[in-house]
Amino acid sequence: MPNYLVETYLARGRTGERETRERRARSAAEELTREKTPVRFEQSIQIPEDEICFIVFDAPSSGEAALAAQRARLEPIRVVEAATSPRQ
């Protein structure tokens, strides 16, 4: 399944909020999977200097990743597919 980056705003000094977003993202992905839409939370990547936090989902399409972001109340700026190297 492809990886999708959900770009969100996260103000400097609010790094503790990243864990809250991770919990909500994981929960939303699990909920969608129970509903027969396979979505998996992978990880979050925070870039404090740019006040950006990416939430990474494995999903069949950007639409399903966006739906997971919506259910997790992430307020996405955009959802884009990520190109990754094969795992070894």
PDB file of N, CA and C in Angstrom:
ATOM      1  N   MET A   1       0.847  -1.172   0.000  1.00  0.00           N
ATOM      2  CA  MET A   1       0.000   0.000   0.000  1.00  0.00           C
ATOM      3  C   MET A   1       0.897   1.243   0.000  1.00  0.00           C
ATOM      4  N   PRO A   2       0.510   2.268  -0.728  1.00  0.00           N
ATOM      5  CA  PRO A   2       1.310   3.499  -0.754  1.00  0.00           C
ATOM      6  C   PRO A   2       1.263   4.245   0.589  1.00  0.00           C
ATOM      7  N   ASN A   3       2.282   5.049   0.802  1.00  0.00           N
ATOM      8  CA  ASN A   3       2.324   5.944   1.964  1.00  0.00           C
ATOM      9  C   ASN A   3       1.830   7.318   1.541  1.00  0.00           C
ATOM     10  N   TYR A   4       1.082   7.959   2.436  1.00  0.00           N
ATOM     11  CA  TYR A   4       0.612   9.320   2.202  1.00  0.00           C
ATOM     12  C   TYR A   4       1.010  10.194   3.380  1.00  0.00           C
ATOM     13  N   LEU A   5       1.518  11.378   3.055  1.00  0.00           N
ATOM     14  CA  LEU A   5       1.867  12.362   4.071  1.00  0.00           C
ATOM     15  C   LEU A   5       0.703  13.330   4.217  1.00  0.00           C
ATOM     16  N   VAL A   6       0.255  13.479   5.443  1.00  0.00           N
ATOM     17  CA  VAL A   6      -0.769  14.466   5.749  1.00  0.00           C
ATOM     18  C   VAL A   6      -0.037  15.630   6.411  1.00  0.00           C
ATOM     19  N   GLU A   7       0.038  16.746   5.721  1.00  0.00           N
ATOM     20  CA  GLU A   7       0.750  17.915   6.234  1.00  0.00           C
ATOM     21  C   GLU A   7      -0.182  18.734   7.117  1.00  0.00           C
ATOM     22  N   THR A   8       0.280  19.028   8.333  1.00  0.00           N
ATOM     23  CA  THR A   8      -0.501  19.832   9.271  1.00  0.00           C
ATOM     24  C   THR A   8       0.383  20.907   9.889  1.00  0.00           C
ATOM     25  N   TYR A   9      -0.248  21.938  10.387  1.00  0.00           N
ATOM     26  CA  TYR A   9       0.449  23.013  11.094  1.00  0.00           C
ATOM     27  C   TYR A   9       0.585  22.625  12.567  1.00  0.00           C
ATOM     28  N   LEU A  10       1.779  22.816  13.121  1.00  0.00           N
ATOM     29  CA  LEU A  10       2.007  22.580  14.545  1.00  0.00           C
ATOM     30  C   LEU A  10       2.963  23.655  15.048  1.00  0.00           C
ATOM     31  N   ALA A  11       2.428  24.571  15.828  1.00  0.00           N
ATOM     32  CA  ALA A  11       3.205  25.727  16.291  1.00  0.00           C
ATOM     33  C   ALA A  11       4.405  25.298  17.123  1.00  0.00           C
ATOM     34  N   ARG A  12       5.460  26.070  17.024  1.00  0.00           N
ATOM     35  CA  ARG A  12       6.637  25.834  17.874  1.00  0.00           C
ATOM     36  C   ARG A  12       6.232  25.848  19.328  1.00  0.00           C
ATOM     37  N   GLY A  13       6.925  25.044  20.102  1.00  0.00           N
ATOM     38  CA  GLY A  13       6.642  25.008  21.523  1.00  0.00           C
ATOM     39  C   GLY A  13       5.455  24.134  21.882  1.00  0.00           C
ATOM     40  N   ARG A  14       4.808  23.545  20.902  1.00  0.00           N
ATOM     41  CA  ARG A  14       3.649  22.681  21.170  1.00  0.00           C
ATOM     42  C   ARG A  14       3.957  21.246  20.767  1.00  0.00           C
ATOM     43  N   THR A  15       5.207  20.855  21.002  1.00  0.00           N
ATOM     44  CA  THR A  15       5.645  19.528  20.576  1.00  0.00           C
ATOM     45  C   THR A  15       4.878  18.416  21.279  1.00  0.00           C
ATOM     46  N   GLY A  16       4.375  18.651  22.463  1.00  0.00           N
ATOM     47  CA  GLY A  16       3.590  17.638  23.160  1.00  0.00           C
ATOM     48  C   GLY A  16       2.309  17.290  22.430  1.00  0.00           C
ATOM     49  N   GLU A  17       1.847  18.195  21.601  1.00  0.00           N
ATOM     50  CA  GLU A  17       0.628  17.951  20.848  1.00  0.00           C
ATOM     51  C   GLU A  17       0.833  16.877  19.778  1.00  0.00           C
ATOM     52  N   ARG A  18       2.075  16.656  19.379  1.00  0.00           N
ATOM     53  CA  ARG A  18       2.351  15.632  18.368  1.00  0.00           C
ATOM     54  C   ARG A  18       1.879  14.255  18.832  1.00  0.00           C
ATOM     55  N   GLU A  19       2.128  13.923  20.095  1.00  0.00           N
ATOM     56  CA  GLU A  19       1.698  12.619  20.618  1.00  0.00           C
ATOM     57  C   GLU A  19       0.178  12.493  20.607  1.00  0.00           C
ATOM     58  N   THR A  20      -0.507  13.582  20.911  1.00  0.00           N
ATOM     59  CA  THR A  20      -1.974  13.575  20.870  1.00  0.00           C
ATOM     60  C   THR A  20      -2.457  13.313  19.457  1.00  0.00           C
ATOM     61  N   ARG A  21      -1.840  13.938  18.479  1.00  0.00           N
ATOM     62  CA  ARG A  21      -2.212  13.719  17.082  1.00  0.00           C
ATOM     63  C   ARG A  21      -1.944  12.277  16.659  1.00  0.00           C
ATOM     64  N   GLU A  22      -0.826  11.732  17.128  1.00  0.00           N
ATOM     65  CA  GLU A  22      -0.508  10.339  16.808  1.00  0.00           C
ATOM     66  C   GLU A  22      -1.591   9.399  17.341  1.00  0.00           C
ATOM     67  N   ARG A  23      -2.011   9.611  18.574  1.00  0.00           N
ATOM     68  CA  ARG A  23      -3.053   8.757  19.159  1.00  0.00           C
ATOM     69  C   ARG A  23      -4.353   8.858  18.360  1.00  0.00           C
ATOM     70  N   ARG A  24      -4.735  10.079  18.011  1.00  0.00           N
ATOM     71  CA  ARG A  24      -5.963  10.260  17.235  1.00  0.00           C
ATOM     72  C   ARG A  24      -5.836   9.644  15.847  1.00  0.00           C
ATOM     73  N   ALA A  25      -4.665   9.786  15.219  1.00  0.00           N
ATOM     74  CA  ALA A  25      -4.442   9.214  13.886  1.00  0.00           C
ATOM     75  C   ALA A  25      -4.491   7.693  13.944  1.00  0.00           C
ATOM     76  N   ARG A  26      -3.861   7.113  14.930  1.00  0.00           N
ATOM     77  CA  ARG A  26      -3.874   5.653  15.091  1.00  0.00           C
ATOM     78  C   ARG A  26      -5.303   5.155  15.302  1.00  0.00           C
ATOM     79  N   SER A  27      -6.037   5.836  16.148  1.00  0.00           N
ATOM     80  CA  SER A  27      -7.413   5.451  16.437  1.00  0.00           C
ATOM     81  C   SER A  27      -8.296   5.560  15.188  1.00  0.00           C
ATOM     82  N   ALA A  28      -8.145   6.628  14.426  1.00  0.00           N
ATOM     83  CA  ALA A  28      -8.932   6.813  13.205  1.00  0.00           C
ATOM     84  C   ALA A  28      -8.610   5.731  12.184  1.00  0.00           C
ATOM     85  N   ALA A  29      -7.335   5.385  12.042  1.00  0.00           N
ATOM     86  CA  ALA A  29      -6.935   4.335  11.102  1.00  0.00           C
ATOM     87  C   ALA A  29      -7.522   2.991  11.524  1.00  0.00           C
ATOM     88  N   GLU A  30      -7.476   2.687  12.805  1.00  0.00           N
ATOM     89  CA  GLU A  30      -8.041   1.429  13.302  1.00  0.00           C
ATOM     90  C   GLU A  30      -9.551   1.385  13.070  1.00  0.00           C
ATOM     91  N   GLU A  31     -10.212   2.507  13.286  1.00  0.00           N
ATOM     92  CA  GLU A  31     -11.656   2.583  13.069  1.00  0.00           C
ATOM     93  C   GLU A  31     -12.000   2.335  11.602  1.00  0.00           C
ATOM     94  N   LEU A  32     -11.266   2.960  10.695  1.00  0.00           N
ATOM     95  CA  LEU A  32     -11.517   2.762   9.269  1.00  0.00           C
ATOM     96  C   LEU A  32     -11.257   1.315   8.864  1.00  0.00           C
ATOM     97  N   THR A  33     -10.211   0.721   9.404  1.00  0.00           N
ATOM     98  CA  THR A  33      -9.897  -0.669   9.093  1.00  0.00           C
ATOM     99  C   THR A  33     -11.024  -1.596   9.552  1.00  0.00           C
ATOM    100  N   ARG A  34     -11.576  -1.329  10.735  1.00  0.00           N
ATOM    101  CA  ARG A  34     -12.716  -2.125  11.210  1.00  0.00           C
ATOM    102  C   ARG A  34     -13.916  -1.976  10.276  1.00  0.00           C
ATOM    103  N   GLU A  35     -14.000  -0.823   9.613  1.00  0.00           N
ATOM    104  CA  GLU A  35     -15.097  -0.565   8.663  1.00  0.00           C
ATOM    105  C   GLU A  35     -14.756  -1.055   7.247  1.00  0.00           C
ATOM    106  N   LYS A  36     -13.709  -1.842   7.139  1.00  0.00           N
ATOM    107  CA  LYS A  36     -13.287  -2.451   5.857  1.00  0.00           C
ATOM    108  C   LYS A  36     -12.595  -1.495   4.899  1.00  0.00           C
ATOM    109  N   THR A  37     -12.056  -0.396   5.415  1.00  0.00           N
ATOM    110  CA  THR A  37     -11.206   0.498   4.633  1.00  0.00           C
ATOM    111  C   THR A  37      -9.810   0.402   5.243  1.00  0.00           C
ATOM    112  N   PRO A  38      -8.904  -0.355   4.606  1.00  0.00           N
ATOM    113  CA  PRO A  38      -7.601  -0.608   5.222  1.00  0.00           C
ATOM    114  C   PRO A  38      -6.702   0.633   5.238  1.00  0.00           C
ATOM    115  N   VAL A  39      -6.547   1.208   6.403  1.00  0.00           N
ATOM    116  CA  VAL A  39      -5.662   2.360   6.604  1.00  0.00           C
ATOM    117  C   VAL A  39      -4.827   2.055   7.840  1.00  0.00           C
ATOM    118  N   ARG A  40      -3.535   2.373   7.756  1.00  0.00           N
ATOM    119  CA  ARG A  40      -2.658   2.129   8.905  1.00  0.00           C
ATOM    120  C   ARG A  40      -1.844   3.383   9.197  1.00  0.00           C
ATOM    121  N   PHE A  41      -1.814   3.781  10.459  1.00  0.00           N
ATOM    122  CA  PHE A  41      -0.951   4.877  10.888  1.00  0.00           C
ATOM    123  C   PHE A  41       0.478   4.352  10.913  1.00  0.00           C
ATOM    124  N   GLU A  42       1.394   5.073  10.297  1.00  0.00           N
ATOM    125  CA  GLU A  42       2.807   4.686  10.263  1.00  0.00           C
ATOM    126  C   GLU A  42       3.637   5.431  11.296  1.00  0.00           C
ATOM    127  N   GLN A  43       3.617   6.764  11.198  1.00  0.00           N
ATOM    128  CA  GLN A  43       4.469   7.582  12.060  1.00  0.00           C
ATOM    129  C   GLN A  43       4.118   9.051  11.888  1.00  0.00           C
ATOM    130  N   SER A  44       4.731   9.872  12.724  1.00  0.00           N
ATOM    131  CA  SER A  44       4.638  11.321  12.528  1.00  0.00           C
ATOM    132  C   SER A  44       6.054  11.861  12.396  1.00  0.00           C
ATOM    133  N   ILE A  45       6.160  12.933  11.663  1.00  0.00           N
ATOM    134  CA  ILE A  45       7.448  13.607  11.450  1.00  0.00           C
ATOM    135  C   ILE A  45       7.218  15.084  11.712  1.00  0.00           C
ATOM    136  N   GLN A  46       7.908  15.608  12.700  1.00  0.00           N
ATOM    137  CA  GLN A  46       7.730  17.015  13.038  1.00  0.00           C
ATOM    138  C   GLN A  46       8.942  17.817  12.586  1.00  0.00           C
ATOM    139  N   ILE A  47       8.686  18.983  12.028  1.00  0.00           N
ATOM    140  CA  ILE A  47       9.734  19.914  11.616  1.00  0.00           C
ATOM    141  C   ILE A  47       9.460  21.213  12.365  1.00  0.00           C
ATOM    142  N   PRO A  48       9.976  21.324  13.597  1.00  0.00           N
ATOM    143  CA  PRO A  48       9.654  22.473  14.446  1.00  0.00           C
ATOM    144  C   PRO A  48       9.995  23.821  13.817  1.00  0.00           C
ATOM    145  N   GLU A  49      11.124  23.902  13.127  1.00  0.00           N
ATOM    146  CA  GLU A  49      11.551  25.165  12.537  1.00  0.00           C
ATOM    147  C   GLU A  49      10.530  25.709  11.546  1.00  0.00           C
ATOM    148  N   ASP A  50       9.875  24.810  10.804  1.00  0.00           N
ATOM    149  CA  ASP A  50       8.877  25.215   9.820  1.00  0.00           C
ATOM    150  C   ASP A  50       7.447  25.125  10.345  1.00  0.00           C
ATOM    151  N   GLU A  51       7.289  24.706  11.607  1.00  0.00           N
ATOM    152  CA  GLU A  51       5.977  24.548  12.239  1.00  0.00           C
ATOM    153  C   GLU A  51       5.073  23.611  11.431  1.00  0.00           C
ATOM    154  N   ILE A  52       5.664  22.489  11.017  1.00  0.00           N
ATOM    155  CA  ILE A  52       4.949  21.482  10.231  1.00  0.00           C
ATOM    156  C   ILE A  52       5.041  20.150  10.951  1.00  0.00           C
ATOM    157  N   CYS A  53       3.962  19.396  10.869  1.00  0.00           N
ATOM    158  CA  CYS A  53       3.952  18.021  11.349  1.00  0.00           C
ATOM    159  C   CYS A  53       3.304  17.173  10.266  1.00  0.00           C
ATOM    160  N   PHE A  54       4.028  16.152   9.812  1.00  0.00           N
ATOM    161  CA  PHE A  54       3.491  15.216   8.840  1.00  0.00           C
ATOM    162  C   PHE A  54       3.017  13.972   9.581  1.00  0.00           C
ATOM    163  N   ILE A  55       1.830  13.523   9.251  1.00  0.00           N
ATOM    164  CA  ILE A  55       1.324  12.253   9.737  1.00  0.00           C
ATOM    165  C   ILE A  55       1.346  11.314   8.540  1.00  0.00           C
ATOM    166  N   VAL A  56       1.954  10.148   8.705  1.00  0.00           N
ATOM    167  CA  VAL A  56       2.111   9.212   7.599  1.00  0.00           C
ATOM    168  C   VAL A  56       1.128   8.057   7.764  1.00  0.00           C
ATOM    169  N   PHE A  57       0.318   7.853   6.735  1.00  0.00           N
ATOM    170  CA  PHE A  57      -0.630   6.743   6.689  1.00  0.00           C
ATOM    171  C   PHE A  57      -0.292   5.832   5.519  1.00  0.00           C
ATOM    172  N   ASP A  58      -0.478   4.530   5.692  1.00  0.00           N
ATOM    173  CA  ASP A  58      -0.549   3.590   4.575  1.00  0.00           C
ATOM    174  C   ASP A  58      -2.030   3.508   4.237  1.00  0.00           C
ATOM    175  N   ALA A  59      -2.360   3.728   2.969  1.00  0.00           N
ATOM    176  CA  ALA A  59      -3.765   3.718   2.569  1.00  0.00           C
ATOM    177  C   ALA A  59      -3.861   3.383   1.082  1.00  0.00           C
ATOM    178  N   PRO A  60      -5.014   2.883   0.645  1.00  0.00           N
ATOM    179  CA  PRO A  60      -5.182   2.568  -0.774  1.00  0.00           C
ATOM    180  C   PRO A  60      -5.115   3.799  -1.683  1.00  0.00           C
ATOM    181  N   SER A  61      -5.534   4.963  -1.171  1.00  0.00           N
ATOM    182  CA  SER A  61      -5.524   6.183  -1.981  1.00  0.00           C
ATOM    183  C   SER A  61      -5.425   7.408  -1.078  1.00  0.00           C
ATOM    184  N   SER A  62      -5.204   8.539  -1.697  1.00  0.00           N
ATOM    185  CA  SER A  62      -5.141   9.786  -0.932  1.00  0.00           C
ATOM    186  C   SER A  62      -6.492  10.098  -0.288  1.00  0.00           C
ATOM    187  N   GLY A  63      -7.573   9.652  -0.915  1.00  0.00           N
ATOM    188  CA  GLY A  63      -8.907   9.880  -0.355  1.00  0.00           C
ATOM    189  C   GLY A  63      -9.093   9.205   0.994  1.00  0.00           C
ATOM    190  N   GLU A  64      -8.632   7.961   1.098  1.00  0.00           N
ATOM    191  CA  GLU A  64      -8.734   7.248   2.374  1.00  0.00           C
ATOM    192  C   GLU A  64      -7.809   7.862   3.427  1.00  0.00           C
ATOM    193  N   ALA A  65      -6.610   8.309   3.007  1.00  0.00           N
ATOM    194  CA  ALA A  65      -5.706   8.975   3.944  1.00  0.00           C
ATOM    195  C   ALA A  65      -6.328  10.291   4.434  1.00  0.00           C
ATOM    196  N   ALA A  66      -6.966  11.020   3.517  1.00  0.00           N
ATOM    197  CA  ALA A  66      -7.637  12.272   3.896  1.00  0.00           C
ATOM    198  C   ALA A  66      -8.800  12.009   4.846  1.00  0.00           C
ATOM    199  N   LEU A  67      -9.520  10.915   4.619  1.00  0.00           N
ATOM    200  CA  LEU A  67     -10.620  10.558   5.509  1.00  0.00           C
ATOM    201  C   LEU A  67     -10.103  10.236   6.913  1.00  0.00           C
ATOM    202  N   ALA A  68      -9.000   9.513   6.991  1.00  0.00           N
ATOM    203  CA  ALA A  68      -8.397   9.225   8.301  1.00  0.00           C
ATOM    204  C   ALA A  68      -7.982  10.522   8.993  1.00  0.00           C
ATOM    205  N   ALA A  69      -7.395  11.440   8.234  1.00  0.00           N
ATOM    206  CA  ALA A  69      -6.986  12.731   8.797  1.00  0.00           C
ATOM    207  C   ALA A  69      -8.183  13.520   9.303  1.00  0.00           C
ATOM    208  N   GLN A  70      -9.265  13.476   8.536  1.00  0.00           N
ATOM    209  CA  GLN A  70     -10.484  14.186   8.938  1.00  0.00           C
ATOM    210  C   GLN A  70     -11.035  13.599  10.237  1.00  0.00           C
ATOM    211  N   ARG A  71     -11.117  12.271  10.307  1.00  0.00           N
ATOM    212  CA  ARG A  71     -11.640  11.633  11.521  1.00  0.00           C
ATOM    213  C   ARG A  71     -10.745  11.882  12.729  1.00  0.00           C
ATOM    214  N   ALA A  72      -9.447  12.042  12.482  1.00  0.00           N
ATOM    215  CA  ALA A  72      -8.501  12.309  13.575  1.00  0.00           C
ATOM    216  C   ALA A  72      -8.439  13.792  13.937  1.00  0.00           C
ATOM    217  N   ARG A  73      -9.218  14.604  13.248  1.00  0.00           N
ATOM    218  CA  ARG A  73      -9.261  16.052  13.483  1.00  0.00           C
ATOM    219  C   ARG A  73      -7.866  16.689  13.340  1.00  0.00           C
ATOM    220  N   LEU A  74      -7.181  16.347  12.250  1.00  0.00           N
ATOM    221  CA  LEU A  74      -5.824  16.836  12.032  1.00  0.00           C
ATOM    222  C   LEU A  74      -5.765  18.166  11.284  1.00  0.00           C
ATOM    223  N   GLU A  75      -6.864  18.593  10.701  1.00  0.00           N
ATOM    224  CA  GLU A  75      -6.911  19.832   9.924  1.00  0.00           C
ATOM    225  C   GLU A  75      -5.780  19.883   8.894  1.00  0.00           C
ATOM    226  N   PRO A  76      -5.804  18.954   7.931  1.00  0.00           N
ATOM    227  CA  PRO A  76      -4.699  18.872   6.979  1.00  0.00           C
ATOM    228  C   PRO A  76      -4.605  20.066   6.046  1.00  0.00           C
ATOM    229  N   ILE A  77      -3.380  20.450   5.764  1.00  0.00           N
ATOM    230  CA  ILE A  77      -3.104  21.472   4.756  1.00  0.00           C
ATOM    231  C   ILE A  77      -3.167  20.807   3.386  1.00  0.00           C
ATOM    232  N   ARG A  78      -2.571  19.611   3.293  1.00  0.00           N
ATOM    233  CA  ARG A  78      -2.626  18.831   2.066  1.00  0.00           C
ATOM    234  C   ARG A  78      -2.291  17.376   2.368  1.00  0.00           C
ATOM    235  N   VAL A  79      -2.650  16.517   1.426  1.00  0.00           N
ATOM    236  CA  VAL A  79      -2.358  15.086   1.512  1.00  0.00           C
ATOM    237  C   VAL A  79      -1.653  14.715   0.216  1.00  0.00           C
ATOM    238  N   VAL A  80      -0.439  14.163   0.327  1.00  0.00           N
ATOM    239  CA  VAL A  80       0.336  13.809  -0.868  1.00  0.00           C
ATOM    240  C   VAL A  80       0.922  12.415  -0.717  1.00  0.00           C
ATOM    241  N   GLU A  81       1.070  11.727  -1.850  1.00  0.00           N
ATOM    242  CA  GLU A  81       1.694  10.413  -1.834  1.00  0.00           C
ATOM    243  C   GLU A  81       3.204  10.586  -1.659  1.00  0.00           C
ATOM    244  N   ALA A  82       3.796   9.714  -0.875  1.00  0.00           N
ATOM    245  CA  ALA A  82       5.233   9.761  -0.629  1.00  0.00           C
ATOM    246  C   ALA A  82       5.923   8.650  -1.425  1.00  0.00           C
ATOM    247  N   ALA A  83       7.050   8.974  -2.015  1.00  0.00           N
ATOM    248  CA  ALA A  83       7.871   7.974  -2.694  1.00  0.00           C
ATOM    249  C   ALA A  83       8.873   7.457  -1.668  1.00  0.00           C
ATOM    250  N   THR A  84       8.916   6.166  -1.481  1.00  0.00           N
ATOM    251  CA  THR A  84       9.826   5.590  -0.504  1.00  0.00           C
ATOM    252  C   THR A  84      10.723   4.551  -1.155  1.00  0.00           C
ATOM    253  N   SER A  85      11.838   4.290  -0.515  1.00  0.00           N
ATOM    254  CA  SER A  85      12.744   3.228  -0.970  1.00  0.00           C
ATOM    255  C   SER A  85      12.215   1.897  -0.471  1.00  0.00           C
ATOM    256  N   PRO A  86      12.483   0.832  -1.207  1.00  0.00           N
ATOM    257  CA  PRO A  86      12.042  -0.481  -0.733  1.00  0.00           C
ATOM    258  C   PRO A  86      12.731  -0.834   0.593  1.00  0.00           C
ATOM    259  N   ARG A  87      11.991  -1.516   1.455  1.00  0.00           N
ATOM    260  CA  ARG A  87      12.566  -1.946   2.730  1.00  0.00           C
ATOM    261  C   ARG A  87      13.476  -3.132   2.484  1.00  0.00           C
ATOM    262  N   GLN A  88      14.588  -3.149   3.204  1.00  0.00           N
ATOM    263  CA  GLN A  88      15.541  -4.243   3.041  1.00  0.00           C
ATOM    264  C   GLN A  88      15.596  -5.092   4.271  1.00  0.00           C
TER     265      GLN A  88
END
